[in-house]
Amino acid sequence: MAIPGTILISALGIIDDVRRCVTMDFKRSGNAIYMVGMTHDEMGGSVYLDNNGQLGSGVPKVDAQQALQTYKALHTACRRGLAQAMHDCSEGGLAVALAEMAFAGGLGVTVSLKNVPYQGASRRDDIILFSESNSRMLVEVAAAHEASFVRLLKDTAHAKIGMVGQSPEFLVYGLKDTPVIHAGIDDLKNVWQSSLK
């Protein structure tokens, strides 16, 4: 299977203290999961629509000023040790980013889509799960750091959307408070890896 042509931009930098690096794998059961950044109805060209034989409209747009503000705040959070794990919501959206964090850390999650910051006329479970809006990050935050983290993000859209769990269970509650995804993280990892085989 051929890999589609892709623009790749790489960046290199010097890290003064590697102990300050924040990886994407969930670290500890009981930690909070925050969504930082606003989700919009931006499904055009998304993996979700492509998998359903559709192209769609409403491609993601970048608000450069808001993105810079968000990334500066998150950089400060990392330097202060407030973030335990962090991952962008890009290809595949929130659902894929959450799954990758879960199976990378071997820990489950329980989240609610009702809490995800969202702007758009059509507020649906699938849009919130799979929108590929730019400048959004999932952040794991320990209870002891939540107040400081929230204060730091006061000028950026953010919300606590769930918790890291001990059991290897991936549980997402939809807008009507019923499960829309309930799976084992090993099953999700197998599906994710199947495209690489």
N, C-alpha and C. Protein backbone atom coordinates (compact mmCIF):
# COMPACT_ATOMS: atom_id res chain seq x y z
N MET A 1 0.85 -1.18 0.00
CA MET A 1 0.00 0.00 0.00
C MET A 1 0.89 1.23 0.00
N ALA A 2 0.67 2.14 -0.93
CA ALA A 2 1.48 3.34 -1.05
C ALA A 2 1.08 4.36 0.01
N ILE A 3 2.06 5.08 0.49
CA ILE A 3 1.80 6.17 1.44
C ILE A 3 1.48 7.42 0.63
N PRO A 4 0.36 8.10 0.93
CA PRO A 4 0.02 9.31 0.16
C PRO A 4 1.08 10.38 0.34
N GLY A 5 1.27 11.20 -0.69
CA GLY A 5 2.20 12.32 -0.59
C GLY A 5 1.85 13.21 0.58
N THR A 6 2.83 13.54 1.39
CA THR A 6 2.58 14.28 2.62
C THR A 6 3.65 15.36 2.81
N ILE A 7 3.23 16.56 3.16
CA ILE A 7 4.18 17.61 3.51
C ILE A 7 4.67 17.33 4.92
N LEU A 8 5.95 17.32 5.11
CA LEU A 8 6.52 17.06 6.43
C LEU A 8 7.39 18.23 6.83
N ILE A 9 7.09 18.80 7.98
CA ILE A 9 7.90 19.90 8.51
C ILE A 9 8.50 19.40 9.82
N SER A 10 9.81 19.42 9.90
CA SER A 10 10.49 18.97 11.11
C SER A 10 11.17 20.15 11.80
N ALA A 11 11.23 20.09 13.11
CA ALA A 11 11.90 21.14 13.87
C ALA A 11 12.82 20.48 14.88
N LEU A 12 13.96 21.07 15.07
CA LEU A 12 14.92 20.59 16.05
C LEU A 12 15.23 21.71 17.02
N GLY A 13 15.51 21.33 18.24
CA GLY A 13 15.88 22.33 19.24
C GLY A 13 16.70 21.70 20.33
N ILE A 14 17.27 22.54 21.15
CA ILE A 14 18.08 22.09 22.27
C ILE A 14 17.22 22.12 23.53
N ILE A 15 17.22 21.03 24.26
CA ILE A 15 16.48 20.95 25.52
C ILE A 15 17.48 21.07 26.66
N ASP A 16 17.29 22.10 27.46
CA ASP A 16 18.23 22.35 28.56
C ASP A 16 18.19 21.26 29.62
N ASP A 17 17.00 20.74 29.87
CA ASP A 17 16.85 19.72 30.92
C ASP A 17 15.84 18.69 30.44
N VAL A 18 16.33 17.52 30.05
CA VAL A 18 15.47 16.48 29.49
C VAL A 18 14.41 16.02 30.49
N ARG A 19 14.64 16.23 31.77
CA ARG A 19 13.65 15.84 32.79
C ARG A 19 12.38 16.66 32.70
N ARG A 20 12.43 17.78 31.98
CA ARG A 20 11.24 18.62 31.81
C ARG A 20 10.40 18.21 30.60
N CYS A 21 10.89 17.25 29.83
CA CYS A 21 10.13 16.80 28.66
C CYS A 21 8.82 16.14 29.10
N VAL A 22 7.78 16.42 28.37
CA VAL A 22 6.46 15.84 28.67
C VAL A 22 6.10 14.92 27.51
N THR A 23 5.91 13.64 27.82
CA THR A 23 5.56 12.66 26.81
C THR A 23 4.05 12.48 26.74
N MET A 24 3.59 11.69 25.78
CA MET A 24 2.14 11.57 25.57
C MET A 24 1.48 10.46 26.39
N ASP A 25 2.24 9.55 26.96
CA ASP A 25 1.64 8.41 27.66
C ASP A 25 1.07 8.81 29.02
N PHE A 26 -0.17 8.36 29.29
CA PHE A 26 -0.76 8.62 30.59
C PHE A 26 0.10 8.01 31.68
N LYS A 27 0.22 8.73 32.82
CA LYS A 27 1.16 8.33 33.86
C LYS A 27 0.53 7.69 35.09
N ARG A 28 -0.63 8.19 35.54
CA ARG A 28 -1.14 7.70 36.82
C ARG A 28 -2.66 7.71 36.88
N SER A 29 -3.21 6.63 37.36
CA SER A 29 -4.64 6.52 37.59
C SER A 29 -5.10 7.60 38.57
N GLY A 30 -6.23 8.22 38.29
CA GLY A 30 -6.78 9.25 39.16
C GLY A 30 -6.43 10.66 38.72
N ASN A 31 -5.46 10.80 37.81
CA ASN A 31 -5.13 12.14 37.29
C ASN A 31 -6.23 12.63 36.37
N ALA A 32 -6.37 13.96 36.32
CA ALA A 32 -7.39 14.58 35.47
C ALA A 32 -6.92 14.67 34.03
N ILE A 33 -7.88 14.66 33.11
CA ILE A 33 -7.61 14.86 31.69
C ILE A 33 -8.28 16.17 31.29
N TYR A 34 -7.49 17.10 30.76
CA TYR A 34 -7.99 18.38 30.29
C TYR A 34 -7.89 18.48 28.78
N MET A 35 -8.93 19.08 28.18
CA MET A 35 -8.85 19.47 26.77
C MET A 35 -8.54 20.95 26.75
N VAL A 36 -7.49 21.33 26.04
CA VAL A 36 -7.10 22.73 25.91
C VAL A 36 -7.29 23.12 24.45
N GLY A 37 -8.05 24.18 24.23
CA GLY A 37 -8.34 24.63 22.87
C GLY A 37 -9.79 24.35 22.52
N MET A 38 -10.26 25.07 21.51
CA MET A 38 -11.67 24.99 21.11
C MET A 38 -11.86 24.02 19.95
N THR A 39 -12.86 23.16 20.09
CA THR A 39 -13.24 22.26 19.00
C THR A 39 -14.35 22.93 18.20
N HIS A 40 -14.21 22.86 16.87
CA HIS A 40 -15.22 23.42 15.95
C HIS A 40 -15.71 22.30 15.04
N ASP A 41 -16.78 22.57 14.33
CA ASP A 41 -17.29 21.63 13.33
C ASP A 41 -16.39 21.76 12.09
N GLU A 42 -15.23 21.12 12.18
CA GLU A 42 -14.23 21.19 11.11
C GLU A 42 -13.86 19.77 10.69
N MET A 43 -14.80 19.14 10.00
CA MET A 43 -14.64 17.74 9.61
C MET A 43 -14.14 17.58 8.18
N GLY A 44 -14.10 18.67 7.40
CA GLY A 44 -13.69 18.57 6.01
C GLY A 44 -12.29 18.00 5.87
N GLY A 45 -12.15 16.95 5.07
CA GLY A 45 -10.86 16.32 4.86
C GLY A 45 -10.39 15.46 6.01
N SER A 46 -11.26 15.21 6.98
CA SER A 46 -10.86 14.45 8.17
C SER A 46 -10.75 12.96 7.87
N VAL A 47 -10.00 12.28 8.71
CA VAL A 47 -9.88 10.82 8.61
C VAL A 47 -11.26 10.17 8.76
N TYR A 48 -12.05 10.69 9.67
CA TYR A 48 -13.39 10.14 9.94
C TYR A 48 -14.25 10.14 8.67
N LEU A 49 -14.32 11.29 7.99
CA LEU A 49 -15.14 11.35 6.77
C LEU A 49 -14.52 10.51 5.66
N ASP A 50 -13.20 10.52 5.56
CA ASP A 50 -12.52 9.72 4.53
C ASP A 50 -12.84 8.24 4.70
N ASN A 51 -12.84 7.77 5.94
CA ASN A 51 -13.16 6.36 6.21
C ASN A 51 -14.60 6.02 5.88
N ASN A 52 -15.44 7.05 5.77
CA ASN A 52 -16.84 6.85 5.40
C ASN A 52 -17.12 7.24 3.95
N GLY A 53 -16.04 7.37 3.15
CA GLY A 53 -16.19 7.68 1.73
C GLY A 53 -16.67 9.08 1.44
N GLN A 54 -16.41 10.02 2.35
CA GLN A 54 -16.86 11.40 2.18
C GLN A 54 -15.67 12.34 2.28
N LEU A 55 -15.86 13.54 1.73
CA LEU A 55 -14.82 14.56 1.83
C LEU A 55 -15.22 15.66 2.80
N GLY A 56 -16.42 16.16 2.67
CA GLY A 56 -16.95 17.16 3.59
C GLY A 56 -16.43 18.55 3.33
N SER A 57 -16.99 19.49 4.06
CA SER A 57 -16.56 20.89 3.99
C SER A 57 -16.20 21.34 5.39
N GLY A 58 -15.82 22.58 5.54
CA GLY A 58 -15.46 23.07 6.87
C GLY A 58 -14.11 22.54 7.31
N VAL A 59 -13.08 22.80 6.48
CA VAL A 59 -11.74 22.35 6.85
C VAL A 59 -11.21 23.18 8.02
N PRO A 60 -10.31 22.61 8.82
CA PRO A 60 -9.78 23.35 9.97
C PRO A 60 -9.09 24.65 9.57
N LYS A 61 -9.32 25.67 10.39
CA LYS A 61 -8.68 26.98 10.19
C LYS A 61 -7.80 27.28 11.40
N VAL A 62 -6.73 27.99 11.18
CA VAL A 62 -5.80 28.32 12.26
C VAL A 62 -6.01 29.77 12.69
N ASP A 63 -6.23 29.96 13.98
CA ASP A 63 -6.22 31.29 14.58
C ASP A 63 -4.82 31.45 15.19
N ALA A 64 -3.91 32.05 14.42
CA ALA A 64 -2.50 32.09 14.81
C ALA A 64 -2.29 32.79 16.15
N GLN A 65 -3.02 33.86 16.40
CA GLN A 65 -2.85 34.59 17.66
C GLN A 65 -3.28 33.73 18.85
N GLN A 66 -4.44 33.07 18.74
CA GLN A 66 -4.91 32.21 19.82
C GLN A 66 -4.00 31.00 19.99
N ALA A 67 -3.53 30.45 18.88
CA ALA A 67 -2.63 29.30 18.95
C ALA A 67 -1.35 29.64 19.71
N LEU A 68 -0.77 30.80 19.40
CA LEU A 68 0.46 31.22 20.08
C LEU A 68 0.22 31.40 21.57
N GLN A 69 -0.90 32.00 21.93
CA GLN A 69 -1.24 32.19 23.35
C GLN A 69 -1.40 30.84 24.05
N THR A 70 -2.08 29.90 23.39
CA THR A 70 -2.27 28.56 23.95
C THR A 70 -0.94 27.85 24.17
N TYR A 71 -0.10 27.87 23.15
CA TYR A 71 1.18 27.16 23.24
C TYR A 71 2.11 27.79 24.26
N LYS A 72 2.07 29.11 24.40
CA LYS A 72 2.90 29.76 25.43
C LYS A 72 2.45 29.33 26.82
N ALA A 73 1.14 29.28 27.04
CA ALA A 73 0.61 28.86 28.34
C ALA A 73 0.99 27.40 28.63
N LEU A 74 0.87 26.54 27.62
CA LEU A 74 1.22 25.13 27.81
C LEU A 74 2.73 24.95 28.02
N HIS A 75 3.53 25.75 27.36
CA HIS A 75 4.98 25.71 27.57
C HIS A 75 5.30 26.05 29.02
N THR A 76 4.64 27.07 29.53
CA THR A 76 4.84 27.46 30.94
C THR A 76 4.39 26.33 31.86
N ALA A 77 3.26 25.70 31.54
CA ALA A 77 2.76 24.58 32.36
C ALA A 77 3.80 23.45 32.41
N CYS A 78 4.41 23.18 31.28
CA CYS A 78 5.44 22.12 31.24
C CYS A 78 6.66 22.51 32.06
N ARG A 79 7.11 23.74 31.92
CA ARG A 79 8.30 24.20 32.66
C ARG A 79 8.06 24.17 34.17
N ARG A 80 6.81 24.39 34.58
CA ARG A 80 6.48 24.39 36.01
C ARG A 80 6.14 22.99 36.53
N GLY A 81 6.16 22.01 35.67
CA GLY A 81 5.87 20.64 36.09
C GLY A 81 4.40 20.36 36.33
N LEU A 82 3.52 21.13 35.69
CA LEU A 82 2.08 20.97 35.91
C LEU A 82 1.45 19.92 35.01
N ALA A 83 2.11 19.58 33.91
CA ALA A 83 1.57 18.62 32.95
C ALA A 83 2.30 17.29 33.09
N GLN A 84 1.55 16.22 33.31
CA GLN A 84 2.14 14.88 33.41
C GLN A 84 2.29 14.24 32.03
N ALA A 85 1.35 14.53 31.14
CA ALA A 85 1.37 14.02 29.77
C ALA A 85 0.65 15.02 28.89
N MET A 86 1.00 15.00 27.59
CA MET A 86 0.36 15.94 26.67
C MET A 86 0.41 15.35 25.26
N HIS A 87 -0.66 15.59 24.51
CA HIS A 87 -0.74 15.09 23.13
C HIS A 87 -1.65 16.00 22.32
N ASP A 88 -1.25 16.26 21.07
CA ASP A 88 -2.07 17.09 20.20
C ASP A 88 -3.27 16.30 19.68
N CYS A 89 -4.32 17.04 19.34
CA CYS A 89 -5.50 16.45 18.71
C CYS A 89 -5.45 16.85 17.25
N SER A 90 -4.88 16.01 16.42
CA SER A 90 -4.76 16.35 15.00
C SER A 90 -5.44 15.27 14.18
N GLU A 91 -4.68 14.45 13.47
CA GLU A 91 -5.26 13.43 12.60
C GLU A 91 -6.08 12.43 13.42
N GLY A 92 -7.37 12.38 13.16
CA GLY A 92 -8.25 11.49 13.91
C GLY A 92 -8.96 12.17 15.06
N GLY A 93 -8.51 13.38 15.43
CA GLY A 93 -9.18 14.16 16.46
C GLY A 93 -9.00 13.65 17.88
N LEU A 94 -9.93 14.06 18.74
CA LEU A 94 -9.90 13.74 20.16
C LEU A 94 -9.89 12.24 20.42
N ALA A 95 -10.71 11.49 19.70
CA ALA A 95 -10.82 10.05 19.95
C ALA A 95 -9.49 9.34 19.76
N VAL A 96 -8.80 9.65 18.68
CA VAL A 96 -7.53 8.99 18.39
C VAL A 96 -6.46 9.43 19.38
N ALA A 97 -6.40 10.72 19.69
CA ALA A 97 -5.39 11.21 20.64
C ALA A 97 -5.57 10.56 22.01
N LEU A 98 -6.80 10.46 22.47
CA LEU A 98 -7.07 9.81 23.77
C LEU A 98 -6.64 8.35 23.76
N ALA A 99 -6.98 7.66 22.68
CA ALA A 99 -6.62 6.24 22.58
C ALA A 99 -5.11 6.06 22.58
N GLU A 100 -4.39 6.91 21.83
CA GLU A 100 -2.93 6.80 21.79
C GLU A 100 -2.31 7.04 23.16
N MET A 101 -2.83 8.01 23.89
CA MET A 101 -2.32 8.28 25.24
C MET A 101 -2.60 7.10 26.18
N ALA A 102 -3.77 6.50 26.03
CA ALA A 102 -4.18 5.40 26.89
C ALA A 102 -3.33 4.17 26.66
N PHE A 103 -3.23 3.71 25.41
CA PHE A 103 -2.47 2.48 25.21
C PHE A 103 -0.98 2.70 25.32
N ALA A 104 -0.48 3.93 25.15
CA ALA A 104 0.95 4.19 25.36
C ALA A 104 1.30 4.05 26.84
N GLY A 105 0.37 4.45 27.72
CA GLY A 105 0.62 4.36 29.15
C GLY A 105 0.08 3.11 29.81
N GLY A 106 -0.70 2.31 29.05
CA GLY A 106 -1.28 1.10 29.62
C GLY A 106 -2.35 1.39 30.66
N LEU A 107 -2.96 2.56 30.56
CA LEU A 107 -4.01 2.98 31.50
C LEU A 107 -5.28 3.35 30.74
N GLY A 108 -6.41 3.16 31.39
CA GLY A 108 -7.68 3.48 30.76
C GLY A 108 -8.09 4.92 30.97
N VAL A 109 -9.24 5.28 30.40
CA VAL A 109 -9.79 6.63 30.55
C VAL A 109 -11.31 6.56 30.66
N THR A 110 -11.84 7.54 31.35
CA THR A 110 -13.28 7.79 31.35
C THR A 110 -13.45 9.28 31.10
N VAL A 111 -14.12 9.63 30.00
CA VAL A 111 -14.31 11.04 29.65
C VAL A 111 -15.75 11.30 29.25
N SER A 112 -16.12 12.58 29.28
CA SER A 112 -17.45 13.01 28.86
C SER A 112 -17.32 14.07 27.77
N LEU A 113 -18.00 13.85 26.65
CA LEU A 113 -17.96 14.82 25.56
C LEU A 113 -18.71 16.10 25.90
N LYS A 114 -19.59 16.05 26.90
CA LYS A 114 -20.34 17.24 27.31
C LYS A 114 -19.42 18.35 27.80
N ASN A 115 -18.25 17.98 28.29
CA ASN A 115 -17.34 18.97 28.88
C ASN A 115 -16.34 19.55 27.89
N VAL A 116 -16.26 19.00 26.68
CA VAL A 116 -15.27 19.46 25.70
C VAL A 116 -15.65 20.87 25.21
N PRO A 117 -14.72 21.85 25.28
CA PRO A 117 -15.01 23.18 24.74
C PRO A 117 -15.36 23.09 23.26
N TYR A 118 -16.55 23.60 22.89
CA TYR A 118 -17.03 23.43 21.52
C TYR A 118 -17.78 24.67 21.06
N GLN A 119 -17.55 25.05 19.79
CA GLN A 119 -18.31 26.10 19.14
C GLN A 119 -18.76 25.59 17.79
N GLY A 120 -20.05 25.67 17.53
CA GLY A 120 -20.56 25.24 16.24
C GLY A 120 -22.05 25.01 16.31
N ALA A 121 -22.69 25.09 15.16
CA ALA A 121 -24.15 24.92 15.11
C ALA A 121 -24.54 23.48 15.36
N SER A 122 -23.80 22.54 14.80
CA SER A 122 -24.11 21.11 14.94
C SER A 122 -23.25 20.52 16.05
N ARG A 123 -23.84 20.30 17.19
CA ARG A 123 -23.12 19.72 18.33
C ARG A 123 -23.50 18.24 18.41
N ARG A 124 -22.60 17.40 17.85
CA ARG A 124 -22.87 15.97 17.80
C ARG A 124 -21.66 15.22 18.35
N ASP A 125 -21.92 14.01 18.84
CA ASP A 125 -20.85 13.18 19.39
C ASP A 125 -19.73 12.95 18.38
N ASP A 126 -20.10 12.59 17.14
CA ASP A 126 -19.06 12.27 16.16
C ASP A 126 -18.21 13.48 15.79
N ILE A 127 -18.81 14.67 15.76
CA ILE A 127 -18.05 15.87 15.44
C ILE A 127 -17.04 16.17 16.56
N ILE A 128 -17.50 16.08 17.81
CA ILE A 128 -16.60 16.35 18.93
C ILE A 128 -15.48 15.31 19.00
N LEU A 129 -15.81 14.06 18.71
CA LEU A 129 -14.81 13.00 18.76
C LEU A 129 -13.78 13.09 17.64
N PHE A 130 -14.20 13.47 16.43
CA PHE A 130 -13.33 13.32 15.27
C PHE A 130 -12.98 14.60 14.52
N SER A 131 -13.49 15.75 14.99
CA SER A 131 -13.09 17.01 14.37
C SER A 131 -11.57 17.16 14.47
N GLU A 132 -10.98 17.73 13.45
CA GLU A 132 -9.53 17.91 13.44
C GLU A 132 -9.14 19.38 13.59
N SER A 133 -9.91 20.11 14.42
CA SER A 133 -9.60 21.52 14.68
C SER A 133 -8.16 21.66 15.18
N ASN A 134 -7.53 22.74 14.76
CA ASN A 134 -6.14 23.00 15.10
C ASN A 134 -5.95 23.52 16.53
N SER A 135 -4.71 23.46 16.99
CA SER A 135 -4.26 24.09 18.24
C SER A 135 -5.00 23.56 19.47
N ARG A 136 -5.25 22.25 19.49
CA ARG A 136 -5.88 21.62 20.66
C ARG A 136 -4.94 20.58 21.24
N MET A 137 -4.92 20.50 22.55
CA MET A 137 -4.06 19.54 23.24
C MET A 137 -4.84 18.85 24.36
N LEU A 138 -4.53 17.58 24.56
CA LEU A 138 -5.00 16.85 25.74
C LEU A 138 -3.87 16.88 26.75
N VAL A 139 -4.21 17.17 28.00
CA VAL A 139 -3.18 17.29 29.04
C VAL A 139 -3.61 16.50 30.27
N GLU A 140 -2.71 15.66 30.76
CA GLU A 140 -2.93 14.95 32.03
C GLU A 140 -2.37 15.81 33.15
N VAL A 141 -3.18 16.04 34.18
CA VAL A 141 -2.79 16.91 35.29
C VAL A 141 -3.07 16.21 36.61
N ALA A 142 -2.07 16.17 37.47
CA ALA A 142 -2.25 15.58 38.81
C ALA A 142 -3.14 16.50 39.65
N ALA A 143 -3.87 15.92 40.59
CA ALA A 143 -4.81 16.69 41.43
C ALA A 143 -4.11 17.85 42.13
N ALA A 144 -2.89 17.64 42.57
CA ALA A 144 -2.16 18.68 43.31
C ALA A 144 -1.84 19.89 42.44
N HIS A 145 -1.88 19.73 41.12
CA HIS A 145 -1.51 20.82 40.21
C HIS A 145 -2.70 21.43 39.47
N GLU A 146 -3.90 20.90 39.70
CA GLU A 146 -5.04 21.36 38.91
C GLU A 146 -5.34 22.84 39.08
N ALA A 147 -5.33 23.34 40.30
CA ALA A 147 -5.66 24.76 40.53
C ALA A 147 -4.66 25.66 39.81
N SER A 148 -3.39 25.34 39.88
CA SER A 148 -2.36 26.14 39.21
C SER A 148 -2.51 26.05 37.70
N PHE A 149 -2.82 24.87 37.20
CA PHE A 149 -2.99 24.67 35.76
C PHE A 149 -4.17 25.49 35.25
N VAL A 150 -5.29 25.44 35.94
CA VAL A 150 -6.49 26.19 35.53
C VAL A 150 -6.22 27.69 35.55
N ARG A 151 -5.52 28.18 36.58
CA ARG A 151 -5.18 29.61 36.63
C ARG A 151 -4.32 30.01 35.44
N LEU A 152 -3.38 29.19 35.09
CA LEU A 152 -2.48 29.47 33.98
C LEU A 152 -3.22 29.52 32.64
N LEU A 153 -4.28 28.73 32.51
CA LEU A 153 -5.03 28.64 31.26
C LEU A 153 -6.26 29.55 31.24
N LYS A 154 -6.31 30.53 32.13
CA LYS A 154 -7.52 31.34 32.29
C LYS A 154 -7.94 32.08 31.01
N ASP A 155 -7.00 32.39 30.13
CA ASP A 155 -7.33 33.10 28.90
C ASP A 155 -7.43 32.18 27.68
N THR A 156 -7.45 30.90 27.92
CA THR A 156 -7.52 29.91 26.84
C THR A 156 -8.66 28.94 27.11
N ALA A 157 -9.40 28.59 26.07
CA ALA A 157 -10.49 27.61 26.23
C ALA A 157 -9.91 26.31 26.76
N HIS A 158 -10.49 25.82 27.83
CA HIS A 158 -10.03 24.56 28.42
C HIS A 158 -11.14 24.00 29.32
N ALA A 159 -11.09 22.70 29.55
CA ALA A 159 -12.06 22.07 30.45
C ALA A 159 -11.55 20.70 30.87
N LYS A 160 -11.89 20.33 32.08
CA LYS A 160 -11.61 18.97 32.55
C LYS A 160 -12.65 18.06 31.92
N ILE A 161 -12.18 17.07 31.14
CA ILE A 161 -13.13 16.21 30.42
C ILE A 161 -13.20 14.80 30.99
N GLY A 162 -12.30 14.45 31.91
CA GLY A 162 -12.35 13.11 32.47
C GLY A 162 -11.17 12.78 33.33
N MET A 163 -10.97 11.47 33.52
CA MET A 163 -9.93 10.97 34.42
C MET A 163 -9.20 9.79 33.79
N VAL A 164 -7.94 9.64 34.20
CA VAL A 164 -7.18 8.46 33.84
C VAL A 164 -7.62 7.34 34.77
N GLY A 165 -7.80 6.13 34.24
CA GLY A 165 -8.27 5.01 35.05
C GLY A 165 -7.23 3.91 35.18
N GLN A 166 -7.36 3.12 36.22
CA GLN A 166 -6.44 2.01 36.47
C GLN A 166 -6.69 0.84 35.53
N SER A 167 -7.96 0.53 35.30
CA SER A 167 -8.29 -0.61 34.44
C SER A 167 -8.06 -0.23 32.98
N PRO A 168 -7.74 -1.21 32.12
CA PRO A 168 -7.46 -0.93 30.71
C PRO A 168 -8.74 -0.74 29.90
N GLU A 169 -9.59 0.16 30.35
CA GLU A 169 -10.91 0.37 29.76
C GLU A 169 -10.99 1.78 29.19
N PHE A 170 -11.48 1.88 27.97
CA PHE A 170 -11.63 3.16 27.27
C PHE A 170 -13.12 3.47 27.20
N LEU A 171 -13.56 4.44 28.00
CA LEU A 171 -14.98 4.72 28.13
C LEU A 171 -15.25 6.19 27.85
N VAL A 172 -16.04 6.45 26.82
CA VAL A 172 -16.40 7.82 26.43
C VAL A 172 -17.91 7.96 26.50
N TYR A 173 -18.37 8.91 27.31
CA TYR A 173 -19.79 9.22 27.41
C TYR A 173 -20.12 10.35 26.44
N GLY A 174 -21.20 10.19 25.70
CA GLY A 174 -21.62 11.18 24.72
C GLY A 174 -22.42 12.30 25.33
N LEU A 175 -22.97 13.13 24.48
CA LEU A 175 -23.73 14.31 24.90
C LEU A 175 -25.00 13.95 25.66
N LYS A 176 -25.49 12.72 25.50
CA LYS A 176 -26.69 12.29 26.21
C LYS A 176 -26.35 11.42 27.42
N ASP A 177 -25.08 11.48 27.85
CA ASP A 177 -24.61 10.75 29.04
C ASP A 177 -24.69 9.23 28.90
N THR A 178 -24.67 8.74 27.67
CA THR A 178 -24.62 7.30 27.45
C THR A 178 -23.29 6.98 26.76
N PRO A 179 -22.75 5.78 27.00
CA PRO A 179 -21.46 5.45 26.37
C PRO A 179 -21.56 5.41 24.85
N VAL A 180 -20.62 6.12 24.18
CA VAL A 180 -20.55 6.08 22.72
C VAL A 180 -19.32 5.27 22.27
N ILE A 181 -18.36 5.12 23.16
CA ILE A 181 -17.23 4.21 22.94
C ILE A 181 -16.96 3.49 24.26
N HIS A 182 -16.91 2.17 24.18
CA HIS A 182 -16.56 1.36 25.35
C HIS A 182 -15.74 0.20 24.82
N ALA A 183 -14.43 0.26 25.05
CA ALA A 183 -13.53 -0.74 24.48
C ALA A 183 -12.33 -0.94 25.39
N GLY A 184 -11.63 -2.03 25.19
CA GLY A 184 -10.38 -2.26 25.88
C GLY A 184 -9.26 -1.54 25.15
N ILE A 185 -8.30 -1.00 25.88
CA ILE A 185 -7.22 -0.27 25.22
C ILE A 185 -6.35 -1.18 24.36
N ASP A 186 -6.25 -2.46 24.72
CA ASP A 186 -5.48 -3.39 23.88
C ASP A 186 -6.16 -3.59 22.54
N ASP A 187 -7.49 -3.64 22.53
CA ASP A 187 -8.23 -3.77 21.27
C ASP A 187 -8.01 -2.53 20.39
N LEU A 188 -8.03 -1.36 21.01
CA LEU A 188 -7.81 -0.13 20.26
C LEU A 188 -6.39 -0.09 19.70
N LYS A 189 -5.43 -0.55 20.48
CA LYS A 189 -4.04 -0.57 20.02
C LYS A 189 -3.88 -1.52 18.83
N ASN A 190 -4.54 -2.67 18.88
CA ASN A 190 -4.47 -3.62 17.77
C ASN A 190 -5.04 -3.02 16.48
N VAL A 191 -6.15 -2.30 16.61
CA VAL A 191 -6.74 -1.65 15.44
C VAL A 191 -5.80 -0.58 14.90
N TRP A 192 -5.24 0.21 15.80
CA TRP A 192 -4.30 1.28 15.42
C TRP A 192 -3.08 0.70 14.71
N GLN A 193 -2.55 -0.39 15.22
CA GLN A 193 -1.35 -0.99 14.64
C GLN A 193 -1.64 -1.75 13.34
N SER A 194 -2.89 -2.16 13.12
CA SER A 194 -3.21 -2.96 11.93
C SER A 194 -2.93 -2.20 10.65
N SER A 195 -3.03 -0.88 10.68
CA SER A 195 -2.77 -0.10 9.47
C SER A 195 -1.28 -0.03 9.16
N LEU A 196 -0.43 -0.40 10.11
CA LEU A 196 1.01 -0.36 9.91
C LEU A 196 1.57 -1.68 9.40
N LYS A 197 0.72 -2.74 9.42
CA LYS A 197 1.19 -4.07 9.04
C LYS A 197 1.06 -4.32 7.55
